[in-house]
Amino acid sequence: RDTLDPLLSAIYRLKERSKVVLQDILPSPETELLTGILLGDDNGISDRLERAYQITGTAHIIAISGFNIALLAGLVTSYARRWLGVWNGTFAAILVLAIYTILVGAGASVVRAAVMGSVGIMGASIGRRGNGLNTLGLAVMGMCLVDPNLPWDVGFQLSCFATLGLVLYAGPMHARLQ
């Protein structure tokens, strides 16, 4: 625990510094919105603006999701592998995902997305194509082994079922629409 304290403190300082930088470069309410999207901190968003997002059905934009993790994983993996090689780049990308997960609060949906992203990065490093269903199952199983109460967390359930829906139906819907 004592060895983690300096690391956690550094991550929390990075989050606070990031908020200050966003406040310096953007006006309100854009600062609060971007802080919610990038850092998972929606405390600064006014009730009026939050209600507007709920009414328009766009409140999910503010939540940290698998999209954020996938985007970060893709960018970091691409650059890290180019600069550090495949294995060191893979390790660096997974480390960045872990730090980002802690930075945004490590909610169950973010942890699930980070585990899935990490498995995808590792699979790609050994030349394996991703299988979303297997990756989701592995992430859910691992998380439930660590925290047996997790299946009763409604946020975790919604995150898993939303991801399951995307994994099962996004491909066929895309093909049908084309």
Protein backbone atom coordinates (compact mmCIF):
# COMPACT_ATOMS: atom_id res chain seq x y z
CA ARG A 1 0.00 0.00 0.00
CA ASP A 2 2.78 2.45 0.92
CA THR A 3 4.45 1.99 -2.45
CA LEU A 4 1.20 2.85 -4.25
CA ASP A 5 0.59 6.09 -2.34
CA PRO A 6 3.15 8.17 -4.26
CA LEU A 7 1.85 6.82 -7.58
CA LEU A 8 -1.78 7.53 -6.68
CA SER A 9 -0.83 10.99 -5.42
CA ALA A 10 0.94 11.72 -8.70
CA ILE A 11 -2.09 10.57 -10.70
CA TYR A 12 -4.44 12.75 -8.63
CA ARG A 13 -2.10 15.73 -9.01
CA LEU A 14 -2.12 15.15 -12.78
CA LYS A 15 -5.93 15.21 -12.74
CA GLU A 16 -6.03 18.46 -10.78
CA ARG A 17 -3.38 20.03 -13.03
CA SER A 18 -5.35 18.92 -16.10
CA LYS A 19 -8.46 20.67 -14.75
CA VAL A 20 -6.47 23.87 -14.23
CA VAL A 21 -5.08 23.72 -17.77
CA LEU A 22 -8.57 23.20 -19.21
CA GLN A 23 -9.86 26.17 -17.20
CA ASP A 24 -7.01 28.30 -18.52
CA ILE A 25 -7.64 27.54 -22.19
CA LEU A 26 -11.43 27.26 -22.40
CA PRO A 27 -14.35 29.35 -21.18
CA SER A 28 -17.21 28.00 -19.10
CA PRO A 29 -19.33 25.84 -19.79
CA GLU A 30 -16.95 24.26 -22.34
CA THR A 31 -14.35 23.68 -19.60
CA GLU A 32 -16.79 21.72 -17.46
CA LEU A 33 -18.00 19.67 -20.41
CA LEU A 34 -14.49 18.75 -21.54
CA THR A 35 -13.48 17.99 -17.94
CA GLY A 36 -16.40 15.54 -17.81
CA ILE A 37 -15.57 13.96 -21.16
CA LEU A 38 -11.80 13.64 -20.64
CA LEU A 39 -11.42 13.30 -16.88
CA GLY A 40 -14.74 11.82 -15.78
CA ASP A 41 -15.45 14.76 -13.47
CA ASP A 42 -18.87 16.20 -14.20
CA ASN A 43 -19.19 18.08 -10.89
CA GLY A 44 -18.71 21.46 -12.55
CA ILE A 45 -21.54 21.03 -15.05
CA SER A 46 -24.51 23.18 -14.10
CA ASP A 47 -27.83 21.53 -13.30
CA ARG A 48 -29.41 23.41 -16.22
CA LEU A 49 -26.84 22.09 -18.71
CA GLU A 50 -26.98 18.58 -17.26
CA ARG A 51 -30.77 18.61 -17.60
CA ALA A 52 -30.42 19.78 -21.22
CA TYR A 53 -28.19 16.78 -21.98
CA GLN A 54 -30.72 14.46 -20.33
CA ILE A 55 -33.64 15.93 -22.29
CA THR A 56 -31.80 15.59 -25.60
CA GLY A 57 -30.62 12.07 -24.79
CA THR A 58 -26.95 13.05 -25.00
CA ALA A 59 -25.96 12.73 -21.32
CA HIS A 60 -23.90 9.64 -22.16
CA ILE A 61 -21.42 11.89 -24.00
CA ILE A 62 -20.10 13.10 -20.66
CA ALA A 63 -19.53 9.62 -19.22
CA ILE A 64 -16.19 7.91 -19.64
CA SER A 65 -16.84 4.88 -21.81
CA GLY A 66 -15.29 2.19 -23.90
CA PHE A 67 -14.97 4.73 -26.71
CA ASN A 68 -12.57 6.83 -24.61
CA ILE A 69 -10.55 3.74 -23.71
CA ALA A 70 -10.51 2.42 -27.29
CA LEU A 71 -9.38 5.78 -28.63
CA LEU A 72 -6.64 6.08 -26.02
CA ALA A 73 -5.55 2.46 -26.53
CA GLY A 74 -5.32 2.92 -30.30
CA LEU A 75 -3.36 6.16 -30.13
CA VAL A 76 -0.96 5.12 -27.39
CA THR A 77 -0.37 1.66 -28.85
CA SER A 78 0.37 3.08 -32.28
CA TYR A 79 2.92 5.60 -31.02
CA ALA A 80 4.40 3.47 -28.24
CA ARG A 81 5.07 0.52 -30.54
CA ARG A 82 6.67 2.80 -33.09
CA TRP A 83 9.00 4.34 -30.50
CA LEU A 84 9.54 1.42 -28.12
CA GLY A 85 8.99 -1.71 -30.20
CA VAL A 86 6.14 -4.18 -30.01
CA TRP A 87 6.59 -5.59 -26.50
CA ASN A 88 7.69 -2.43 -24.70
CA GLY A 89 5.02 -0.49 -26.60
CA THR A 90 2.39 -3.02 -25.55
CA PHE A 91 3.45 -2.74 -21.91
CA ALA A 92 3.49 1.08 -22.11
CA ALA A 93 0.03 1.20 -23.67
CA ILE A 94 -1.44 -1.07 -20.99
CA LEU A 95 0.25 1.03 -18.31
CA VAL A 96 -1.26 4.22 -19.78
CA LEU A 97 -4.71 2.57 -19.77
CA ALA A 98 -4.26 1.63 -16.11
CA ILE A 99 -3.19 5.16 -15.17
CA TYR A 100 -6.08 6.69 -17.13
CA THR A 101 -8.52 4.29 -15.43
CA ILE A 102 -7.34 5.48 -12.02
CA LEU A 103 -7.31 9.10 -13.21
CA VAL A 104 -11.00 9.02 -14.15
CA GLY A 105 -12.12 7.24 -10.99
CA ALA A 106 -11.94 3.54 -11.87
CA GLY A 107 -15.68 2.97 -12.12
CA ALA A 108 -16.77 -0.53 -13.06
CA SER A 109 -17.56 0.41 -16.67
CA VAL A 110 -14.17 2.07 -17.12
CA VAL A 111 -12.33 -0.88 -15.56
CA ARG A 112 -14.25 -3.26 -17.84
CA ALA A 113 -13.33 -1.18 -20.87
CA ALA A 114 -9.69 -0.95 -19.77
CA VAL A 115 -9.46 -4.72 -19.24
CA MET A 116 -11.00 -5.33 -22.66
CA GLY A 117 -8.65 -2.78 -24.22
CA SER A 118 -5.64 -4.37 -22.55
CA VAL A 119 -6.62 -7.84 -23.72
CA GLY A 120 -7.07 -6.46 -27.24
CA ILE A 121 -3.65 -4.79 -27.16
CA MET A 122 -1.99 -8.00 -25.94
CA GLY A 123 -3.81 -10.08 -28.56
CA ALA A 124 -2.77 -7.74 -31.34
CA SER A 125 0.85 -7.88 -30.17
CA ILE A 126 0.89 -11.64 -30.77
CA GLY A 127 -0.98 -11.37 -34.05
CA ARG A 128 -4.42 -12.46 -32.84
CA ARG A 129 -7.63 -10.91 -34.10
CA GLY A 130 -9.93 -9.63 -31.42
CA ASN A 131 -13.11 -11.43 -30.44
CA GLY A 132 -15.36 -9.05 -28.55
CA LEU A 133 -17.50 -11.74 -26.97
CA ASN A 134 -14.53 -13.63 -25.54
CA THR A 135 -12.86 -10.41 -24.44
CA LEU A 136 -16.03 -9.22 -22.68
CA GLY A 137 -16.45 -12.61 -21.00
CA LEU A 138 -12.85 -12.60 -19.81
CA ALA A 139 -13.17 -9.05 -18.46
CA VAL A 140 -16.43 -9.79 -16.64
CA MET A 141 -15.12 -13.03 -15.19
CA GLY A 142 -11.88 -11.45 -14.00
CA MET A 143 -13.63 -8.48 -12.45
CA CYS A 144 -16.17 -10.71 -10.68
CA LEU A 145 -13.37 -12.86 -9.29
CA VAL A 146 -11.77 -9.75 -7.82
CA ASP A 147 -15.08 -8.34 -6.52
CA PRO A 148 -17.80 -10.99 -6.07
CA ASN A 149 -20.40 -8.26 -5.33
CA LEU A 150 -19.94 -6.66 -8.74
CA PRO A 151 -22.78 -8.55 -10.48
CA TRP A 152 -25.23 -6.65 -8.26
CA ASP A 153 -23.87 -3.26 -9.33
CA VAL A 154 -26.45 -1.82 -11.74
CA GLY A 155 -23.84 0.35 -13.50
CA PHE A 156 -21.71 -2.72 -14.12
CA GLN A 157 -24.72 -4.65 -15.44
CA LEU A 158 -25.70 -1.85 -17.80
CA SER A 159 -22.14 -1.45 -19.04
CA CYS A 160 -21.78 -5.18 -19.69
CA PHE A 161 -25.12 -5.55 -21.44
CA ALA A 162 -24.58 -2.44 -23.56
CA THR A 163 -21.20 -3.81 -24.61
CA LEU A 164 -22.73 -7.22 -25.25
CA GLY A 165 -25.34 -5.59 -27.47
CA LEU A 166 -22.64 -3.79 -29.44
CA VAL A 167 -20.57 -6.95 -29.79
CA LEU A 168 -23.49 -9.07 -30.95
CA TYR A 169 -25.44 -6.64 -33.11
CA ALA A 170 -23.15 -3.87 -34.39
CA GLY A 171 -21.57 -6.03 -37.11
CA PRO A 172 -24.82 -7.45 -38.51
CA MET A 173 -26.54 -4.04 -38.35
CA HIS A 174 -23.62 -2.41 -40.13
CA ALA A 175 -23.67 -5.06 -42.84
CA ARG A 176 -27.43 -4.71 -43.28
CA LEU A 177 -27.23 -0.92 -43.54
CA GLN A 178 -24.57 -1.13 -46.23
